[in-house]
Amino acid sequence: MTMQRAITNVFGGWFQIGRQFPTETLDAIAARVAAGERTHRGELRVAIESRLPLPAVLEGVTARDRATALFAHLRVWDTEENCGVLLYVLLAEHRIEIVADRGIVARVGAGEWDAITAHMRDEFAKGHFREAALTGVDEVAALLARHFPSDGTPRTNELPDAPLVL
């Protein structure tokens, strides 16, 4: 499995990230994150990574491991209400991971996250990269609005709305 993952990360279509996620799509994702955050008290961060470095693959780093590391590195966990969410896409391996802070984990079951990643996977499989990302953002926002609805008071945007492309 490690050899197949290595080949996928080295030779896969990861280099097409600019074509799959052009500036217009990244701007649309940022706008949807901002719109969603007006409906809930959560903070959403989107990270799209083209591939894992070969040494990481050979060391056995999984997409989940990488998402968890980015969750910490980007300080998604460091929100006032402990309601940060990282939506992570690893293009080379066709993996989607959602990592949520402890305040959200206490209220949202794994099945709800799985449903979101399944919808995104369906769109990615059709080659609809923009739709896949926007579906994920919208569904995370709806989930957060249900569990952490906005109380209508203005609040500080604690995490950047623009997706991080790695």
C-alpha atoms as a PDB file:
ATOM      1  CA  MET A   1       0.000   0.000   0.000  1.00  0.00           C
ATOM      2  CA  THR A   2       2.824   2.401   0.804  1.00  0.00           C
ATOM      3  CA  MET A   3       4.337   1.911  -2.656  1.00  0.00           C
ATOM      4  CA  GLN A   4       1.000   2.651  -4.350  1.00  0.00           C
ATOM      5  CA  ARG A   5       0.535   5.747  -2.185  1.00  0.00           C
ATOM      6  CA  ALA A   6       4.078   6.873  -3.020  1.00  0.00           C
ATOM      7  CA  ILE A   7       3.443   6.491  -6.746  1.00  0.00           C
ATOM      8  CA  THR A   8       0.124   8.318  -6.444  1.00  0.00           C
ATOM      9  CA  ASN A   9       1.673  11.224  -4.547  1.00  0.00           C
ATOM     10  CA  VAL A  10       4.681  11.501  -6.872  1.00  0.00           C
ATOM     11  CA  PHE A  11       3.052  10.925 -10.261  1.00  0.00           C
ATOM     12  CA  GLY A  12      -0.664  11.556  -9.739  1.00  0.00           C
ATOM     13  CA  GLY A  13      -2.520  14.498 -11.222  1.00  0.00           C
ATOM     14  CA  TRP A  14      -1.803  16.674  -8.205  1.00  0.00           C
ATOM     15  CA  PHE A  15      -0.004  19.223 -10.399  1.00  0.00           C
ATOM     16  CA  GLN A  16      -3.380  20.250 -11.855  1.00  0.00           C
ATOM     17  CA  ILE A  17      -4.417  21.962  -8.630  1.00  0.00           C
ATOM     18  CA  GLY A  18      -4.379  25.379 -10.316  1.00  0.00           C
ATOM     19  CA  ARG A  19      -6.762  24.149 -12.996  1.00  0.00           C
ATOM     20  CA  GLN A  20      -9.001  22.307 -10.530  1.00  0.00           C
ATOM     21  CA  PHE A  21      -9.107  25.222  -8.088  1.00  0.00           C
ATOM     22  CA  PRO A  22      -8.635  28.461 -10.044  1.00  0.00           C
ATOM     23  CA  THR A  23      -8.763  31.845  -8.328  1.00  0.00           C
ATOM     24  CA  GLU A  24     -12.492  32.218  -9.039  1.00  0.00           C
ATOM     25  CA  THR A  25     -13.214  28.949  -7.239  1.00  0.00           C
ATOM     26  CA  LEU A  26     -11.017  29.874  -4.281  1.00  0.00           C
ATOM     27  CA  ASP A  27     -12.818  33.223  -4.053  1.00  0.00           C
ATOM     28  CA  ALA A  28     -16.200  31.462  -4.160  1.00  0.00           C
ATOM     29  CA  ILE A  29     -15.103  29.132  -1.350  1.00  0.00           C
ATOM     30  CA  ALA A  30     -13.990  32.106   0.777  1.00  0.00           C
ATOM     31  CA  ALA A  31     -17.298  33.884   0.150  1.00  0.00           C
ATOM     32  CA  ARG A  32     -19.280  30.775   1.165  1.00  0.00           C
ATOM     33  CA  VAL A  33     -17.210  30.341   4.326  1.00  0.00           C
ATOM     34  CA  ALA A  34     -17.886  33.980   5.255  1.00  0.00           C
ATOM     35  CA  ALA A  35     -21.621  33.656   4.487  1.00  0.00           C
ATOM     36  CA  GLY A  36     -21.873  30.457   6.499  1.00  0.00           C
ATOM     37  CA  GLU A  37     -20.112  31.979   9.483  1.00  0.00           C
ATOM     38  CA  ARG A  38     -22.842  34.620   9.684  1.00  0.00           C
ATOM     39  CA  THR A  39     -25.327  31.816  10.457  1.00  0.00           C
ATOM     40  CA  HIS A  40     -23.383  30.071  13.222  1.00  0.00           C
ATOM     41  CA  ARG A  41     -20.767  30.625  15.916  1.00  0.00           C
ATOM     42  CA  GLY A  42     -18.259  28.164  14.464  1.00  0.00           C
ATOM     43  CA  GLU A  43     -15.094  28.866  12.529  1.00  0.00           C
ATOM     44  CA  LEU A  44     -14.381  26.953   9.321  1.00  0.00           C
ATOM     45  CA  ARG A  45     -10.969  26.626   7.683  1.00  0.00           C
ATOM     46  CA  VAL A  46     -10.537  24.935   4.304  1.00  0.00           C
ATOM     47  CA  ALA A  47      -7.186  23.427   3.299  1.00  0.00           C
ATOM     48  CA  ILE A  48      -6.573  21.879  -0.118  1.00  0.00           C
ATOM     49  CA  GLU A  49      -3.322  19.996  -0.531  1.00  0.00           C
ATOM     50  CA  SER A  50      -2.071  18.712  -3.851  1.00  0.00           C
ATOM     51  CA  ARG A  51      -0.036  15.810  -2.447  1.00  0.00           C
ATOM     52  CA  LEU A  52       1.941  14.588   0.511  1.00  0.00           C
ATOM     53  CA  PRO A  53       5.735  14.744   0.368  1.00  0.00           C
ATOM     54  CA  LEU A  54       7.308  11.381  -0.420  1.00  0.00           C
ATOM     55  CA  PRO A  55       9.101  11.111   2.969  1.00  0.00           C
ATOM     56  CA  ALA A  56       5.764  11.595   4.741  1.00  0.00           C
ATOM     57  CA  VAL A  57       4.152   8.836   2.674  1.00  0.00           C
ATOM     58  CA  LEU A  58       7.059   6.483   3.350  1.00  0.00           C
ATOM     59  CA  GLU A  59       6.762   7.236   7.074  1.00  0.00           C
ATOM     60  CA  GLY A  60       3.114   6.172   6.907  1.00  0.00           C
ATOM     61  CA  VAL A  61       1.523   9.622   7.335  1.00  0.00           C
ATOM     62  CA  THR A  62      -2.135   9.326   6.324  1.00  0.00           C
ATOM     63  CA  ALA A  63      -4.504  12.011   5.110  1.00  0.00           C
ATOM     64  CA  ARG A  64      -6.101  11.957   8.574  1.00  0.00           C
ATOM     65  CA  ASP A  65      -2.696  12.408  10.214  1.00  0.00           C
ATOM     66  CA  ARG A  66      -1.946  15.352   7.937  1.00  0.00           C
ATOM     67  CA  ALA A  67      -5.350  16.930   8.558  1.00  0.00           C
ATOM     68  CA  THR A  68      -4.869  16.604  12.311  1.00  0.00           C
ATOM     69  CA  ALA A  69      -1.404  18.168  12.061  1.00  0.00           C
ATOM     70  CA  LEU A  70      -2.780  21.069  10.002  1.00  0.00           C
ATOM     71  CA  PHE A  71      -5.640  21.490  12.485  1.00  0.00           C
ATOM     72  CA  ALA A  72      -3.009  22.120  15.161  1.00  0.00           C
ATOM     73  CA  HIS A  73      -0.585  24.100  12.966  1.00  0.00           C
ATOM     74  CA  LEU A  74      -3.305  26.446  11.674  1.00  0.00           C
ATOM     75  CA  ARG A  75      -4.642  26.818  15.220  1.00  0.00           C
ATOM     76  CA  VAL A  76      -8.155  25.810  14.221  1.00  0.00           C
ATOM     77  CA  TRP A  77      -8.522  24.462  17.765  1.00  0.00           C
ATOM     78  CA  ASP A  78      -7.793  27.898  19.221  1.00  0.00           C
ATOM     79  CA  THR A  79     -11.215  29.522  18.887  1.00  0.00           C
ATOM     80  CA  GLU A  80     -13.034  31.174  21.746  1.00  0.00           C
ATOM     81  CA  GLU A  81     -15.911  28.690  21.812  1.00  0.00           C
ATOM     82  CA  ASN A  82     -13.847  25.618  20.824  1.00  0.00           C
ATOM     83  CA  CYS A  83     -15.886  25.307  17.652  1.00  0.00           C
ATOM     84  CA  GLY A  84     -13.316  25.319  14.859  1.00  0.00           C
ATOM     85  CA  VAL A  85     -13.558  22.911  11.926  1.00  0.00           C
ATOM     86  CA  LEU A  86     -10.935  22.025   9.330  1.00  0.00           C
ATOM     87  CA  LEU A  87     -12.165  20.758   5.969  1.00  0.00           C
ATOM     88  CA  TYR A  88      -9.116  19.095   4.380  1.00  0.00           C
ATOM     89  CA  VAL A  89      -8.802  17.776   0.831  1.00  0.00           C
ATOM     90  CA  LEU A  90      -5.804  15.722  -0.321  1.00  0.00           C
ATOM     91  CA  LEU A  91      -6.102  15.707  -4.101  1.00  0.00           C
ATOM     92  CA  ALA A  92      -3.473  13.099  -4.981  1.00  0.00           C
ATOM     93  CA  GLU A  93      -5.158  10.446  -2.842  1.00  0.00           C
ATOM     94  CA  HIS A  94      -8.741  11.628  -3.347  1.00  0.00           C
ATOM     95  CA  ARG A  95      -9.149  11.945   0.425  1.00  0.00           C
ATOM     96  CA  ILE A  96     -11.388  14.306   2.380  1.00  0.00           C
ATOM     97  CA  GLU A  97     -11.004  14.707   6.126  1.00  0.00           C
ATOM     98  CA  ILE A  98     -12.965  16.848   8.547  1.00  0.00           C
ATOM     99  CA  VAL A  99     -11.385  17.607  11.912  1.00  0.00           C
ATOM    100  CA  ALA A 100     -13.535  19.343  14.502  1.00  0.00           C
ATOM    101  CA  ASP A 101     -12.693  20.950  17.820  1.00  0.00           C
ATOM    102  CA  ARG A 102     -13.814  19.419  21.106  1.00  0.00           C
ATOM    103  CA  GLY A 103     -16.801  21.735  21.477  1.00  0.00           C
ATOM    104  CA  ILE A 104     -18.233  20.390  18.230  1.00  0.00           C
ATOM    105  CA  VAL A 105     -17.214  16.762  18.691  1.00  0.00           C
ATOM    106  CA  ALA A 106     -19.325  16.702  21.857  1.00  0.00           C
ATOM    107  CA  ARG A 107     -22.458  17.528  19.821  1.00  0.00           C
ATOM    108  CA  VAL A 108     -21.899  16.209  16.293  1.00  0.00           C
ATOM    109  CA  GLY A 109     -21.640  12.511  15.494  1.00  0.00           C
ATOM    110  CA  ALA A 110     -19.195  10.949  13.054  1.00  0.00           C
ATOM    111  CA  GLY A 111     -22.061   9.962  10.754  1.00  0.00           C
ATOM    112  CA  GLU A 112     -22.878  13.601  10.087  1.00  0.00           C
ATOM    113  CA  TRP A 113     -19.284  14.307   9.007  1.00  0.00           C
ATOM    114  CA  ASP A 114     -19.247  11.110   6.928  1.00  0.00           C
ATOM    115  CA  ALA A 115     -22.347  12.256   5.052  1.00  0.00           C
ATOM    116  CA  ILE A 116     -20.654  15.531   4.140  1.00  0.00           C
ATOM    117  CA  THR A 117     -17.499  13.825   2.893  1.00  0.00           C
ATOM    118  CA  ALA A 118     -19.615  11.357   0.882  1.00  0.00           C
ATOM    119  CA  HIS A 119     -21.437  14.198  -0.888  1.00  0.00           C
ATOM    120  CA  MET A 120     -18.129  15.885  -1.629  1.00  0.00           C
ATOM    121  CA  ARG A 121     -16.619  12.631  -2.904  1.00  0.00           C
ATOM    122  CA  ASP A 122     -19.551  12.193  -5.298  1.00  0.00           C
ATOM    123  CA  GLU A 123     -18.925  15.624  -6.809  1.00  0.00           C
ATOM    124  CA  PHE A 124     -15.145  15.122  -6.975  1.00  0.00           C
ATOM    125  CA  ALA A 125     -15.688  11.784  -8.762  1.00  0.00           C
ATOM    126  CA  LYS A 126     -17.610  13.655 -11.475  1.00  0.00           C
ATOM    127  CA  GLY A 127     -14.730  16.122 -11.835  1.00  0.00           C
ATOM    128  CA  HIS A 128     -16.801  18.915 -10.263  1.00  0.00           C
ATOM    129  CA  PHE A 129     -14.119  20.377  -8.018  1.00  0.00           C
ATOM    130  CA  ARG A 130     -15.828  23.705  -7.407  1.00  0.00           C
ATOM    131  CA  GLU A 131     -19.166  22.066  -6.601  1.00  0.00           C
ATOM    132  CA  ALA A 132     -17.500  19.527  -4.310  1.00  0.00           C
ATOM    133  CA  ALA A 133     -15.781  22.205  -2.257  1.00  0.00           C
ATOM    134  CA  LEU A 134     -18.847  24.442  -2.094  1.00  0.00           C
ATOM    135  CA  THR A 135     -21.023  21.472  -1.116  1.00  0.00           C
ATOM    136  CA  GLY A 136     -18.661  20.709   1.743  1.00  0.00           C
ATOM    137  CA  VAL A 137     -18.560  24.298   2.949  1.00  0.00           C
ATOM    138  CA  ASP A 138     -22.348  24.682   2.736  1.00  0.00           C
ATOM    139  CA  GLU A 139     -23.048  21.407   4.528  1.00  0.00           C
ATOM    140  CA  VAL A 140     -20.553  22.140   7.310  1.00  0.00           C
ATOM    141  CA  ALA A 141     -22.149  25.584   7.701  1.00  0.00           C
ATOM    142  CA  ALA A 142     -25.631  24.037   7.916  1.00  0.00           C
ATOM    143  CA  LEU A 143     -24.436  21.548  10.517  1.00  0.00           C
ATOM    144  CA  LEU A 144     -22.801  24.275  12.584  1.00  0.00           C
ATOM    145  CA  ALA A 145     -25.889  26.495  12.262  1.00  0.00           C
ATOM    146  CA  ARG A 146     -27.960  23.642  13.685  1.00  0.00           C
ATOM    147  CA  HIS A 147     -25.634  22.935  16.624  1.00  0.00           C
ATOM    148  CA  PHE A 148     -24.049  26.386  17.161  1.00  0.00           C
ATOM    149  CA  PRO A 149     -26.550  28.921  15.800  1.00  0.00           C
ATOM    150  CA  SER A 150     -25.603  32.562  15.660  1.00  0.00           C
ATOM    151  CA  ASP A 151     -27.061  34.645  18.447  1.00  0.00           C
ATOM    152  CA  GLY A 152     -27.058  37.683  16.170  1.00  0.00           C
ATOM    153  CA  THR A 153     -24.261  39.542  17.924  1.00  0.00           C
ATOM    154  CA  PRO A 154     -21.288  40.608  15.836  1.00  0.00           C
ATOM    155  CA  ARG A 155     -18.172  38.567  16.478  1.00  0.00           C
ATOM    156  CA  THR A 156     -14.554  38.520  15.456  1.00  0.00           C
ATOM    157  CA  ASN A 157     -13.587  36.334  12.526  1.00  0.00           C
ATOM    158  CA  GLU A 158     -10.969  34.182  14.241  1.00  0.00           C
ATOM    159  CA  LEU A 159      -9.738  32.197  11.212  1.00  0.00           C
ATOM    160  CA  PRO A 160      -9.161  33.272   7.603  1.00  0.00           C
ATOM    161  CA  ASP A 161     -12.068  32.549   5.259  1.00  0.00           C
ATOM    162  CA  ALA A 162      -9.834  32.057   2.220  1.00  0.00           C
ATOM    163  CA  PRO A 163      -8.879  28.432   1.578  1.00  0.00           C
ATOM    164  CA  LEU A 164      -5.270  27.451   2.109  1.00  0.00           C
ATOM    165  CA  VAL A 165      -3.768  25.777  -0.954  1.00  0.00           C
ATOM    166  CA  LEU A 166      -0.723  23.659  -0.249  1.00  0.00           C
END
